[in-house]
Amino acid sequence: MIRLVLESYLLLIRIDLLVSFGRLNAIKTLVQRQVIRRPPDGLTVNSDTVRRAMDLACVFYVKPVLCLQYSSAAAVLLRRYGQAAEMVVGVQIFPVAFHAWVEVNGEVLTDRPYMHEMYSVLERY
């Protein structure tokens, strides 16, 4: 678990730097290029474990973690440990709001299960 929390924290830093320099396309590329790997032998990591690790990393992070940062880091981690995760970006028309979350097999993992009722999906990657 400590390894996952550290990986989560380092990903949050990397993505935060990309956001700070306005490199939003680089975040998309980071998520898209992360291939789905088989976890190392003897290591079973499920989506709940990744969520807990991400939540712990956020507790210790130096500033608030926004949905784009959280979702992209979670999607990368889930793919690293064998889950076919997709990062989803949606928009709410009124009042205008954007939001990001992670899904595996169409199931929302990092947010409320009814996100599709609240937001229209703009992009998946």
Protein backbone atom coordinates (compact mmCIF):
# COMPACT_ATOMS: atom_id res chain seq x y z
CA MET A 1 0.00 0.00 0.00
CA ILE A 2 2.87 2.39 0.77
CA ARG A 3 4.20 1.88 -2.75
CA LEU A 4 0.81 2.80 -4.23
CA VAL A 5 0.48 5.90 -2.08
CA LEU A 6 3.97 7.03 -3.13
CA GLU A 7 3.19 6.35 -6.81
CA SER A 8 -0.06 8.28 -6.43
CA TYR A 9 1.71 11.22 -4.81
CA LEU A 10 4.38 11.36 -7.52
CA LEU A 11 1.74 11.24 -10.24
CA LEU A 12 -0.14 14.09 -8.56
CA ILE A 13 3.05 16.17 -8.61
CA ARG A 14 3.72 15.36 -12.27
CA ILE A 15 0.18 16.21 -13.34
CA ASP A 16 0.10 19.35 -11.19
CA LEU A 17 3.24 20.58 -12.96
CA LEU A 18 1.67 19.91 -16.36
CA VAL A 19 -1.43 21.88 -15.33
CA SER A 20 0.73 24.73 -13.97
CA PHE A 21 2.51 25.05 -17.31
CA GLY A 22 -0.74 24.84 -19.30
CA ARG A 23 0.15 21.45 -20.81
CA LEU A 24 -3.34 19.94 -20.71
CA ASN A 25 -2.74 17.95 -23.89
CA ALA A 26 0.25 16.35 -22.16
CA ILE A 27 -2.09 15.05 -19.44
CA LYS A 28 -4.30 13.48 -22.08
CA THR A 29 -1.24 11.92 -23.71
CA LEU A 30 0.02 10.62 -20.36
CA VAL A 31 -3.25 8.79 -19.75
CA GLN A 32 -3.59 7.52 -23.32
CA ARG A 33 -0.04 6.17 -23.49
CA GLN A 34 -0.26 4.22 -20.24
CA VAL A 35 -0.72 0.66 -21.39
CA ILE A 36 -2.70 -1.84 -19.36
CA ARG A 37 -0.07 -3.99 -17.66
CA ARG A 38 -0.25 -7.23 -15.80
CA PRO A 39 0.48 -6.62 -12.12
CA PRO A 40 3.71 -8.14 -10.81
CA ASP A 41 3.39 -11.72 -9.53
CA GLY A 42 1.97 -11.92 -6.06
CA LEU A 43 0.63 -8.36 -6.17
CA THR A 44 -3.14 -8.02 -6.38
CA VAL A 45 -4.30 -4.46 -6.76
CA ASN A 46 -7.98 -3.76 -7.27
CA SER A 47 -9.77 -0.49 -7.92
CA ASP A 48 -10.64 0.00 -4.23
CA THR A 49 -6.97 -0.26 -3.27
CA VAL A 50 -6.01 2.31 -5.90
CA ARG A 51 -8.79 4.65 -4.70
CA ARG A 52 -7.61 4.38 -1.09
CA ALA A 53 -4.01 5.03 -2.14
CA MET A 54 -5.09 8.07 -4.17
CA ASP A 55 -7.17 9.39 -1.26
CA LEU A 56 -4.23 9.04 1.13
CA ALA A 57 -1.90 10.78 -1.30
CA CYS A 58 -4.42 13.63 -1.56
CA VAL A 59 -4.49 13.99 2.22
CA PHE A 60 -0.74 14.61 2.25
CA TYR A 61 -0.61 16.68 -0.94
CA VAL A 62 0.47 20.30 -0.47
CA LYS A 63 -2.61 21.84 -2.07
CA PRO A 64 -6.15 20.79 -3.00
CA VAL A 65 -6.33 18.13 -5.71
CA LEU A 66 -8.85 18.87 -8.43
CA CYS A 67 -10.86 16.29 -10.37
CA LEU A 68 -8.67 16.46 -13.49
CA GLN A 69 -5.53 15.77 -11.47
CA TYR A 70 -7.14 13.03 -9.39
CA SER A 71 -8.83 11.30 -12.33
CA SER A 72 -5.82 11.30 -14.62
CA ALA A 73 -3.54 9.95 -11.87
CA ALA A 74 -6.09 7.29 -10.90
CA ALA A 75 -6.54 6.20 -14.53
CA VAL A 76 -2.78 5.84 -15.00
CA LEU A 77 -2.41 3.83 -11.79
CA LEU A 78 -5.33 1.57 -12.58
CA ARG A 79 -3.86 0.82 -16.01
CA ARG A 80 -0.44 0.14 -14.50
CA TYR A 81 -2.04 -2.52 -12.32
CA GLY A 82 -4.14 -4.28 -14.93
CA GLN A 83 -7.46 -2.40 -14.97
CA ALA A 84 -8.90 -1.13 -18.28
CA ALA A 85 -9.60 2.34 -16.86
CA GLU A 86 -10.90 5.26 -18.88
CA MET A 87 -10.70 8.87 -17.85
CA VAL A 88 -13.94 10.65 -18.74
CA VAL A 89 -14.40 14.41 -19.10
CA GLY A 90 -17.94 15.76 -19.01
CA VAL A 91 -19.77 19.06 -19.15
CA GLN A 92 -22.88 20.30 -17.41
CA ILE A 93 -24.78 22.85 -19.48
CA PHE A 94 -26.45 24.94 -16.77
CA PRO A 95 -24.72 26.18 -14.79
CA VAL A 96 -21.70 25.51 -16.99
CA ALA A 97 -19.31 23.15 -15.24
CA PHE A 98 -16.70 20.64 -16.32
CA HIS A 99 -15.80 17.50 -14.41
CA ALA A 100 -13.54 14.45 -14.78
CA TRP A 101 -13.90 10.93 -13.39
CA VAL A 102 -12.66 7.38 -14.02
CA GLU A 103 -14.65 4.42 -15.29
CA VAL A 104 -13.86 0.73 -15.69
CA ASN A 105 -16.22 -1.25 -17.93
CA GLY A 106 -18.70 1.64 -17.85
CA GLU A 107 -18.83 1.74 -14.04
CA VAL A 108 -17.89 5.03 -12.39
CA LEU A 109 -15.10 4.41 -9.87
CA THR A 110 -13.91 7.78 -8.65
CA ASP A 111 -17.20 9.59 -8.23
CA ARG A 112 -20.95 9.13 -7.86
CA PRO A 113 -22.46 6.36 -10.01
CA TYR A 114 -24.95 8.76 -11.64
CA MET A 115 -22.36 11.07 -13.29
CA HIS A 116 -23.88 10.38 -16.73
CA GLU A 117 -27.14 11.91 -15.56
CA MET A 118 -25.40 15.09 -14.43
CA TYR A 119 -22.81 15.55 -17.20
CA SER A 120 -22.69 15.02 -20.94
CA VAL A 121 -19.54 13.14 -21.88
CA LEU A 122 -17.13 15.23 -23.95
CA GLU A 123 -14.23 12.83 -24.17
CA ARG A 124 -12.92 9.47 -23.00
CA TYR A 125 -9.30 8.45 -22.91
